[in-house]
Structure formats: structure tokens, C-alpha cells
Amino acid sequence: MSYLLNLIFNLLSKKSLSPKDYGCQLLISNILKKFGFNIEFFNKKGVTNLLATIGFGNKTLLFVGHTDVVPAGPLIDWKNNPFIPSLNKEGYIISRGIADMKGSLGAMIIATCRFLKLYPIYNGKLAFLITSDEEGYGKYGTKYVIKKLIERKERIKYCIIGEPTSSFKTCDTIKIGRRGSLNANIRVYGVQGHIAYIKNLLNPIHLLIKITHYLLKIKWDKGNKYFYKTNFQISNFNAGLGVNNIIPKYAKLLCNFRFSNEITVNEIKKKVKKVFLLFNLKNNKDYNIKWYISGEPYITKKGNLLNAVNFGINYICKFKPKIKTSGGISDGRFIYNICNQIIELGLKNKTIHKINESILFSDILLLTKVYQIIIEYLFIYKNNWSQGDLNS
């Protein structure tokens, strides 16, 4: 069993349901200590966060990942115990968290250790930020650590997040940014009463349906080369007392805006407010809205990191990756406050959060080589390029 496979199996065997870590980061820190990394833990409210750094200078490459996983679901549906990883005859590792994202974590760690063996002298810093609260609320995870780093006036030059970005082949897709995410909890008030006597009543359900119809017709923006146009989606519509003879006092709508960098949060709010004004509704009297911003849009268009990632994938995989900003939000939304070159690159996302989550071990080996080439490109390439010992 290779060192990489052994590391991944050890991580997978720890039932680290979010926000629990169950010793994953201690295992990782012990490995990194042997290579001279400085280790810091930022733990709060049951969340474990590891920051490991080595090297000197202003050029820092930060690898970001998480050790927490989502629940496995019905155990009877799994081919094996989801927390006792197995390697089948086809070469697949089957376990909860192998794709999202303990496989990528193993690849990052081994790639970095191989680089340090080959190049003990280099100009810059290597770092890891690993949290146990990415799949959960995220309040005391990466967001918390980045806040601490900002307070210390630290900056990060480059950041690679190991989220599963690939679609059909490992490394076929990278994410150079993410759309923003804005949530709204809308409540529209009416006048409650008997449904047969509507003269002095106001049905908030009918009113909210009309408002929603307007919201669905709005063209928020056109998007651009990097971002799809802003999208409005309803996640929940709720009203009534569970009987058929009462008009309720209010109706509730939960909705989300996945927005591009062509529009701001304030502009979205203003457009929504105009819709309510069309119906002569006054805020905090006839309706109210609670807004929650999950993350602003961010993007990495050009720079050494994008060059390095494209080079590494082309060098190892012999193709150019697709560049996207699609999908949900990631911890990149917190890191952008301290680093403006962020790229997500990881394993295939076909089975993430599913029963029998699985990844080919050969794909993890491939990703390890790509990560190593990226490090070499950023720290060694311009002066003394070498492909290194990629088969060790």
C-alpha cells in the first residue's frame, strides 16, 4: 500500500461528520511537522481549524481543504461500511468523503512533501488551511481563520482549493471564481378572516403570488464572459393555518439570488423594493424582508496562478481544462478578502454526497502530480524547471 493510499485510508476511516474532525487534522499536522511546517490550531465552538506554514517571503501558496463530511445516509444501501474504506478490483476507493474532499487533501499533502524533498531551497512560502466546518454553517471555519489572518495583516499570493471540480476526467474543469449568493425571507401581510366573507379581508397569498410573478420576469442582468446572468429561484412558499376556510394573516416566501459581478447586492434589493412599490406596499408595515448574504461574487481572470494551473494540467493530462464559475458557493468567498488569485481544482464530482461515493485511486495519483507541477511552476520554473520525481 503506497504512502498516499495509506494516508487517504486513515483520513477516510475517521467519521468526521461536520463539524467534527475526529483527529484528521492531527494526523495531517504530524506529517507536516516532519517536513518543518509551523503548526497552529484555531479551534472554536467545536470546529477544528489547522494552519500550517513553511518557508519565507511574500509569495505564499495556500492549499485549502476540509476534513468534515456529510452524513452517509442509509448504511444498507452502501456496498461497504462508508467509514471503512475499500479499494475494489476496478481501482475505486469507496467511502464517504473520498471525493469531497479527503482524496484531494491527500493529493495536496503528498504533492507538497514531494516538492520539499526535491527542492529544500526555494523562494516563498507554502501553507495549508484545513477546516472541519465547510459542509456545515462555516461560521467558525475558514471564515474565522481568515479573519484572524487579516488581523495579523497577513496576505496570501495564491490559493488552490481542492473542491471536486472535475466532470468527466480528473482536471477537466477548474473554477476561477463563484457567483454571489443572496437569500431573502419575505413576509407579506394581509387581513385574516373567514374565507367566505372577503369584503373586508386581504388575502396575502394572492398578493405574494402576484409579487412573485413580477420577480420571476425581471431580467436582473445579462451576465458576461465569466458569469451566467443573475438567477432568482424560490425555495419555499408557505402560508395558511392548515384549514380551508380561513384567509391567513401572512404568507412567506424563501428565495435565493445567485448573482454575477454585473450587479450588486444593493441593486438587487432596490429592484425588489420597486416591485413592492408597484402594489403600494410599505416596508415593515405591509411586508418585511430579511436579507442574508452568503457570499459576494469573485473571479481570478489572469495571473501566475492561472498560468501555473493551466500548465500543470496540460503537462500531466495533455489537455486544457474548461474554465467555469458555476456551482454553489465555496470557502473561496472568505479567502478572497486576503487573496485575489484563487482557483478550485479537484477530483470528479459525480458521486459527491451520494451513496457509494467513489473515486479511482489512479485519479488521485494524477491529481497529486498536477499539484506538484503547479508548485514547481510557481516556485522553481522560471529559474530551473524540472519535472521532478513524479513517480515516487
Protein backbone atom coordinates (compact mmCIF):
# COMPACT_ATOMS: atom_id res chain seq x y z
CA MET A 1 0.00 0.00 0.00
CA SER A 2 1.54 3.34 -1.06
CA TYR A 3 2.07 6.17 1.42
CA LEU A 4 -0.61 8.21 -0.37
CA LEU A 5 -3.16 5.40 -0.21
CA ASN A 6 -2.36 4.75 3.44
CA LEU A 7 -2.85 8.45 4.29
CA ILE A 8 -6.18 8.60 2.48
CA PHE A 9 -7.46 5.42 4.13
CA ASN A 10 -6.52 6.79 7.55
CA LEU A 11 -8.43 10.01 6.85
CA LEU A 12 -11.47 8.17 5.48
CA SER A 13 -11.67 5.82 8.46
CA LYS A 14 -12.30 8.79 10.77
CA LYS A 15 -16.03 9.51 10.97
CA SER A 16 -15.64 13.26 10.74
CA LEU A 17 -19.26 14.34 10.31
CA SER A 18 -19.40 18.13 10.12
CA PRO A 19 -18.24 19.96 12.20
CA LYS A 20 -16.30 17.14 13.88
CA ASP A 21 -12.74 16.40 12.81
CA TYR A 22 -12.05 13.25 14.87
CA GLY A 23 -8.28 13.51 14.60
CA CYS A 24 -7.91 14.04 10.84
CA GLN A 25 -6.07 17.33 11.25
CA LEU A 26 -3.84 15.94 14.00
CA LEU A 27 -2.82 13.18 11.59
CA ILE A 28 -2.08 15.76 8.87
CA SER A 29 -0.20 18.08 11.24
CA ASN A 30 2.07 15.25 12.40
CA ILE A 31 3.04 14.57 8.79
CA LEU A 32 3.69 18.23 8.02
CA LYS A 33 5.71 18.73 11.23
CA LYS A 34 8.24 16.20 9.94
CA PHE A 35 8.86 18.48 6.97
CA GLY A 36 9.36 21.55 9.14
CA PHE A 37 5.91 23.14 8.96
CA ASN A 38 4.86 25.53 11.71
CA ILE A 39 1.53 24.30 13.08
CA GLU A 40 -1.30 26.41 14.50
CA PHE A 41 -4.78 25.33 15.53
CA PHE A 42 -7.67 27.80 15.55
CA ASN A 43 -10.43 25.91 17.34
CA LYS A 44 -13.75 27.42 18.34
CA LYS A 45 -17.27 26.22 19.15
CA GLY A 46 -16.45 22.59 18.32
CA VAL A 47 -14.79 23.45 15.00
CA THR A 48 -11.17 22.43 14.34
CA ASN A 49 -9.01 24.54 12.01
CA LEU A 50 -5.41 23.80 11.05
CA LEU A 51 -2.99 26.38 9.65
CA ALA A 52 0.40 25.01 8.62
CA THR A 53 3.14 27.17 7.06
CA ILE A 54 6.71 26.74 5.87
CA GLY A 55 9.18 28.99 4.08
CA PHE A 56 9.83 32.72 3.87
CA GLY A 57 8.95 35.70 1.73
CA ASN A 58 5.86 37.42 0.39
CA LYS A 59 4.93 34.78 -2.20
CA THR A 60 2.62 32.33 -0.40
CA LEU A 61 0.77 29.42 -2.00
CA LEU A 62 -2.12 28.35 0.24
CA PHE A 63 -3.81 24.96 -0.16
CA VAL A 64 -7.34 24.97 1.27
CA GLY A 65 -9.43 21.96 2.19
CA HIS A 66 -11.79 20.44 4.73
CA THR A 67 -11.86 17.26 6.77
CA ASP A 68 -15.59 17.25 7.56
CA VAL A 69 -18.03 15.16 5.56
CA VAL A 70 -21.80 14.92 5.17
CA PRO A 71 -23.82 12.02 6.69
CA ALA A 72 -23.62 8.71 4.84
CA GLY A 73 -27.34 8.02 4.57
CA PRO A 74 -28.83 4.50 4.89
CA LEU A 75 -25.93 2.11 5.56
CA ILE A 76 -27.85 -0.75 3.97
CA ASP A 77 -27.52 0.98 0.58
CA TRP A 78 -23.72 1.12 0.73
CA LYS A 79 -21.54 -1.61 -0.78
CA ASN A 80 -19.39 -1.42 2.34
CA ASN A 81 -19.33 0.50 5.61
CA PRO A 82 -18.88 4.13 4.43
CA PHE A 83 -16.29 4.74 7.15
CA ILE A 84 -14.29 1.58 6.48
CA PRO A 85 -12.79 2.48 3.09
CA SER A 86 -12.24 -0.19 0.48
CA LEU A 87 -10.34 -0.41 -2.81
CA ASN A 88 -12.20 -2.62 -5.28
CA LYS A 89 -10.74 -4.60 -8.18
CA GLU A 90 -11.59 -1.80 -10.63
CA GLY A 91 -9.39 0.57 -8.65
CA TYR A 92 -12.14 2.63 -6.99
CA ILE A 93 -11.90 3.77 -3.39
CA ILE A 94 -15.41 3.69 -1.92
CA SER A 95 -16.03 5.74 1.21
CA ARG A 96 -17.85 8.82 2.45
CA GLY A 97 -15.63 11.85 1.79
CA ILE A 98 -13.26 10.35 -0.78
CA ALA A 99 -14.39 12.81 -3.48
CA ASP A 100 -15.41 15.65 -1.17
CA MET A 101 -12.64 16.02 -0.27
CA LYS A 102 -10.24 13.72 1.54
CA GLY A 103 -8.85 12.39 -1.72
CA SER A 104 -7.76 15.89 -2.76
CA LEU A 105 -6.38 16.52 0.74
CA GLY A 106 -4.14 13.50 0.43
CA ALA A 107 -3.00 14.63 -3.02
CA MET A 108 -2.17 18.15 -1.76
CA ILE A 109 -0.16 16.85 1.18
CA ILE A 110 1.85 14.28 -0.75
CA ALA A 111 2.50 16.70 -3.64
CA THR A 112 3.83 19.28 -1.19
CA CYS A 113 6.00 16.79 0.66
CA ARG A 114 7.49 15.52 -2.62
CA PHE A 115 8.23 19.09 -3.66
CA LEU A 116 10.03 19.81 -0.38
CA LYS A 117 12.14 16.66 -0.77
CA LEU A 118 13.17 17.68 -4.28
CA TYR A 119 13.61 21.38 -3.60
CA PRO A 120 14.67 22.09 0.00
CA ILE A 121 15.66 25.60 -1.13
CA TYR A 122 13.01 27.76 -2.80
CA ASN A 123 11.81 31.33 -2.62
CA GLY A 124 8.41 31.66 -0.98
CA LYS A 125 6.00 30.08 1.49
CA LEU A 126 3.76 27.03 1.35
CA ALA A 127 0.71 26.81 3.56
CA PHE A 128 -2.35 24.69 4.37
CA LEU A 129 -5.65 25.91 5.78
CA ILE A 130 -7.86 22.96 6.67
CA THR A 131 -11.22 23.24 8.44
CA SER A 132 -13.81 20.86 9.86
CA ASP A 133 -16.73 23.19 9.11
CA GLU A 134 -17.11 23.52 5.35
CA GLU A 135 -20.13 21.26 4.95
CA GLY A 136 -21.93 22.94 7.86
CA TYR A 137 -22.56 26.55 8.79
CA GLY A 138 -18.98 27.68 8.19
CA LYS A 139 -19.12 30.42 10.80
CA TYR A 140 -16.09 29.19 12.74
CA GLY A 141 -14.25 27.52 9.89
CA THR A 142 -12.26 29.15 7.10
CA LYS A 143 -14.09 32.43 7.65
CA TYR A 144 -12.90 32.54 11.26
CA VAL A 145 -9.26 31.77 10.39
CA ILE A 146 -9.12 34.31 7.56
CA LYS A 147 -10.40 36.96 9.95
CA LYS A 148 -7.52 36.12 12.29
CA LEU A 149 -5.00 36.34 9.43
CA ILE A 150 -6.37 39.73 8.40
CA GLU A 151 -5.96 40.92 11.99
CA ARG A 152 -2.32 39.77 11.75
CA LYS A 153 -2.04 41.74 8.48
CA GLU A 154 -1.05 38.65 6.54
CA ARG A 155 -1.53 38.32 2.79
CA ILE A 156 -1.78 35.28 0.52
CA LYS A 157 -0.46 35.47 -3.05
CA TYR A 158 -2.02 32.28 -4.46
CA CYS A 159 -4.72 29.90 -3.25
CA ILE A 160 -5.78 26.47 -4.52
CA ILE A 161 -8.96 24.95 -3.12
CA GLY A 162 -9.28 21.20 -3.52
CA GLU A 163 -13.05 21.04 -4.01
CA PRO A 164 -14.24 18.42 -6.56
CA THR A 165 -14.42 20.47 -9.78
CA SER A 166 -13.89 17.80 -12.43
CA SER A 167 -16.75 16.44 -14.54
CA PHE A 168 -15.77 13.55 -16.83
CA LYS A 169 -12.00 13.37 -16.42
CA THR A 170 -9.87 14.47 -13.50
CA CYS A 171 -8.69 18.07 -14.01
CA ASP A 172 -11.00 18.65 -16.99
CA THR A 173 -12.62 21.63 -15.20
CA ILE A 174 -11.34 24.34 -12.90
CA LYS A 175 -13.26 27.08 -11.12
CA ILE A 176 -11.76 30.57 -11.33
CA GLY A 177 -14.50 32.15 -9.22
CA ARG A 178 -18.02 31.77 -7.93
CA ARG A 179 -21.27 33.66 -8.21
CA GLY A 180 -22.57 35.58 -5.24
CA SER A 181 -25.41 34.17 -3.16
CA LEU A 182 -28.09 36.36 -1.59
CA ASN A 183 -31.02 34.93 0.37
CA ALA A 184 -34.28 36.67 1.16
CA ASN A 185 -37.02 35.73 3.62
CA ILE A 186 -40.10 37.66 2.52
CA ARG A 187 -43.28 38.02 4.55
CA VAL A 188 -46.39 39.74 3.12
CA TYR A 189 -49.24 40.67 5.45
CA GLY A 190 -52.97 40.56 4.74
CA VAL A 191 -56.14 40.63 6.81
CA GLN A 192 -57.20 37.31 8.35
CA GLY A 193 -60.78 36.16 8.36
CA HIS A 194 -63.44 33.75 7.12
CA ILE A 195 -62.80 32.82 3.51
CA ALA A 196 -66.48 33.32 2.61
CA TYR A 197 -66.54 36.97 3.73
CA ILE A 198 -63.81 38.61 1.68
CA LYS A 199 -65.16 42.17 1.50
CA ASN A 200 -63.01 43.49 4.35
CA LEU A 201 -60.21 40.93 4.02
CA LEU A 202 -56.92 40.87 2.12
CA ASN A 203 -55.51 37.55 1.01
CA PRO A 204 -51.70 37.70 1.38
CA ILE A 205 -51.30 34.51 -0.64
CA HIS A 206 -52.86 36.06 -3.75
CA LEU A 207 -50.78 39.19 -3.23
CA LEU A 208 -47.50 37.33 -2.81
CA ILE A 209 -48.22 35.21 -5.89
CA LYS A 210 -48.58 38.40 -7.95
CA ILE A 211 -45.37 39.83 -6.49
CA THR A 212 -43.52 36.59 -7.20
CA HIS A 213 -44.74 36.66 -10.79
CA TYR A 214 -43.12 40.08 -11.23
CA LEU A 215 -39.89 38.94 -9.61
CA LEU A 216 -39.69 35.96 -11.94
CA LYS A 217 -39.99 38.21 -15.00
CA ILE A 218 -37.20 40.62 -14.03
CA LYS A 219 -34.01 40.49 -16.10
CA TRP A 220 -31.51 41.21 -13.35
CA ASP A 221 -28.51 41.44 -15.66
CA LYS A 222 -27.09 39.88 -18.83
CA GLY A 223 -24.11 38.18 -17.23
CA ASN A 224 -20.76 38.21 -19.02
CA LYS A 225 -17.99 36.01 -20.38
CA TYR A 226 -17.23 34.59 -16.95
CA PHE A 227 -20.60 34.62 -15.19
CA TYR A 228 -24.05 33.42 -16.19
CA LYS A 229 -26.80 36.00 -15.76
CA THR A 230 -28.19 36.50 -12.26
CA ASN A 231 -30.80 33.92 -11.36
CA PHE A 232 -33.77 34.20 -8.98
CA GLN A 233 -35.14 30.98 -7.50
CA ILE A 234 -37.87 30.18 -4.98
CA SER A 235 -37.03 27.56 -2.37
CA ASN A 236 -40.18 27.70 -0.24
CA PHE A 237 -43.67 29.23 -0.27
CA ASN A 238 -45.65 28.89 2.93
CA ALA A 239 -48.98 30.19 4.19
CA GLY A 240 -52.21 29.18 5.88
CA LEU A 241 -53.38 27.53 9.07
CA GLY A 242 -53.94 24.10 7.61
CA VAL A 243 -57.68 24.57 7.10
CA ASN A 244 -59.70 25.56 4.05
CA ASN A 245 -61.98 28.22 5.48
CA ILE A 246 -59.55 30.86 6.77
CA ILE A 247 -57.60 33.51 4.87
CA PRO A 248 -54.28 33.72 6.77
CA LYS A 249 -52.68 36.82 8.21
CA TYR A 250 -49.48 36.47 6.21
CA ALA A 251 -47.66 34.47 3.53
CA LYS A 252 -43.94 33.67 3.44
CA LEU A 253 -41.50 33.24 0.58
CA LEU A 254 -37.93 31.98 0.82
CA CYS A 255 -35.82 32.76 -2.22
CA ASN A 256 -32.25 33.00 -3.45
CA PHE A 257 -30.34 35.14 -5.93
CA ARG A 258 -27.22 33.63 -7.50
CA PHE A 259 -25.74 36.81 -8.90
CA SER A 260 -22.93 37.79 -11.22
CA ASN A 261 -20.45 40.63 -10.84
CA GLU A 262 -22.63 42.69 -13.18
CA ILE A 263 -24.95 43.61 -10.31
CA THR A 264 -24.51 44.47 -6.64
CA VAL A 265 -26.45 43.36 -3.58
CA ASN A 266 -27.86 46.87 -3.18
CA GLU A 267 -29.03 46.93 -6.79
CA ILE A 268 -30.87 43.64 -6.31
CA LYS A 269 -32.53 44.98 -3.17
CA LYS A 270 -33.60 48.17 -4.98
CA LYS A 271 -35.18 46.19 -7.82
CA VAL A 272 -37.10 44.04 -5.35
CA LYS A 273 -38.29 47.12 -3.47
CA LYS A 274 -39.64 48.64 -6.71
CA VAL A 275 -41.83 45.58 -7.21
CA PHE A 276 -43.45 46.07 -3.81
CA LEU A 277 -43.96 49.76 -4.57
CA LEU A 278 -45.96 48.74 -7.65
CA PHE A 279 -48.52 47.29 -5.22
CA ASN A 280 -48.35 50.34 -2.91
CA LEU A 281 -46.90 48.20 -0.11
CA LYS A 282 -44.88 49.82 2.65
CA ASN A 283 -41.84 48.14 4.13
CA ASN A 284 -42.17 46.98 7.77
CA LYS A 285 -45.92 47.57 7.59
CA ASP A 286 -47.39 45.63 4.68
CA TYR A 287 -44.36 43.43 4.24
CA ASN A 288 -40.85 42.84 5.51
CA ILE A 289 -37.75 41.23 4.08
CA LYS A 290 -34.81 39.70 5.94
CA TRP A 291 -31.72 39.57 3.73
CA TYR A 292 -28.80 37.16 4.21
CA ILE A 293 -25.66 37.41 2.10
CA SER A 294 -23.78 34.11 1.86
CA GLY A 295 -21.01 35.43 -0.36
CA GLU A 296 -20.06 38.06 -2.91
CA PRO A 297 -19.02 37.03 -6.43
CA TYR A 298 -15.27 36.80 -7.07
CA ILE A 299 -13.08 35.88 -10.01
CA THR A 300 -9.46 35.20 -10.97
CA LYS A 301 -9.08 36.19 -14.61
CA LYS A 302 -5.34 36.29 -15.22
CA GLY A 303 -2.09 35.85 -13.33
CA ASN A 304 0.67 33.42 -12.44
CA LEU A 305 -1.67 31.03 -10.65
CA LEU A 306 -3.95 30.53 -13.63
CA ASN A 307 -0.87 30.11 -15.82
CA ALA A 308 0.54 27.54 -13.40
CA VAL A 309 -2.69 25.54 -13.18
CA ASN A 310 -3.16 25.51 -16.96
CA PHE A 311 0.47 24.50 -17.41
CA GLY A 312 0.29 21.74 -14.80
CA ILE A 313 -2.87 20.19 -16.24
CA ASN A 314 -1.61 20.39 -19.82
CA TYR A 315 1.80 18.97 -18.82
CA ILE A 316 0.39 15.96 -16.97
CA CYS A 317 -3.03 15.38 -18.55
CA LYS A 318 -2.27 16.61 -22.10
CA PHE A 319 -5.38 18.79 -22.37
CA LYS A 320 -6.59 22.24 -21.41
CA PRO A 321 -9.20 22.45 -18.66
CA LYS A 322 -12.57 24.12 -19.03
CA ILE A 323 -12.78 27.31 -17.03
CA LYS A 324 -16.02 27.91 -15.12
CA THR A 325 -17.61 29.83 -12.26
CA SER A 326 -20.71 27.64 -11.97
CA GLY A 327 -21.92 25.65 -8.99
CA GLY A 328 -22.61 26.60 -5.43
CA ILE A 329 -20.57 28.75 -3.11
CA SER A 330 -17.26 27.66 -1.62
CA ASP A 331 -14.85 28.86 1.05
CA GLY A 332 -13.21 30.94 -1.65
CA ARG A 333 -15.72 33.66 -0.77
CA PHE A 334 -13.91 34.14 2.55
CA ILE A 335 -10.39 33.82 1.18
CA TYR A 336 -10.92 36.50 -1.48
CA ASN A 337 -10.64 39.07 1.33
CA ILE A 338 -6.95 38.19 1.66
CA CYS A 339 -6.03 36.75 -1.75
CA ASN A 340 -7.10 37.76 -5.27
CA GLN A 341 -5.80 34.71 -7.13
CA ILE A 342 -7.97 31.73 -6.20
CA ILE A 343 -8.56 28.60 -8.23
CA GLU A 344 -10.52 25.47 -7.34
CA LEU A 345 -9.10 22.23 -8.69
CA GLY A 346 -10.03 18.77 -7.50
CA LEU A 347 -11.40 15.32 -8.27
CA LYS A 348 -14.56 14.32 -10.14
CA ASN A 349 -17.82 15.46 -8.53
CA LYS A 350 -20.09 12.74 -9.95
CA THR A 351 -20.61 10.91 -6.63
CA ILE A 352 -20.20 13.67 -4.02
CA HIS A 353 -22.72 13.42 -1.16
CA LYS A 354 -24.17 10.27 -2.77
CA ILE A 355 -24.46 6.68 -1.63
CA ASN A 356 -21.28 4.75 -2.53
CA GLU A 357 -19.20 7.89 -3.06
CA SER A 358 -16.14 6.73 -5.00
CA ILE A 359 -13.01 7.86 -6.85
CA LEU A 360 -10.41 5.94 -8.86
CA PHE A 361 -7.13 5.83 -6.96
CA SER A 362 -5.36 6.46 -10.26
CA ASP A 363 -7.21 9.79 -10.48
CA ILE A 364 -5.83 10.80 -7.08
CA LEU A 365 -2.33 9.88 -8.25
CA LEU A 366 -2.89 12.04 -11.33
CA LEU A 367 -4.09 15.00 -9.28
CA THR A 368 -1.07 14.64 -6.98
CA LYS A 369 1.25 15.02 -9.98
CA VAL A 370 -0.66 18.06 -11.22
CA TYR A 371 -0.48 19.74 -7.81
CA GLN A 372 3.26 19.08 -7.69
CA ILE A 373 3.84 20.61 -11.13
CA ILE A 374 1.84 23.69 -10.11
CA ILE A 375 4.06 24.19 -7.05
CA GLU A 376 7.19 23.73 -9.15
CA TYR A 377 5.92 26.19 -11.76
CA LEU A 378 5.25 28.90 -9.16
CA PHE A 379 8.47 28.46 -7.14
CA ILE A 380 11.04 26.88 -9.45
CA TYR A 381 10.05 27.02 -13.13
CA LYS A 382 11.37 30.40 -14.26
CA ASN A 383 14.86 29.73 -12.92
CA ASN A 384 15.35 25.99 -13.04
CA TRP A 385 12.42 23.94 -14.36
CA SER A 386 12.44 20.22 -13.66
CA GLN A 387 9.56 17.78 -13.80
CA GLY A 388 10.87 16.24 -10.61
CA ASP A 389 10.37 12.68 -9.48
CA LEU A 390 6.68 12.35 -10.32
CA ASN A 391 6.66 8.59 -9.99
CA SER A 392 7.98 8.39 -6.43
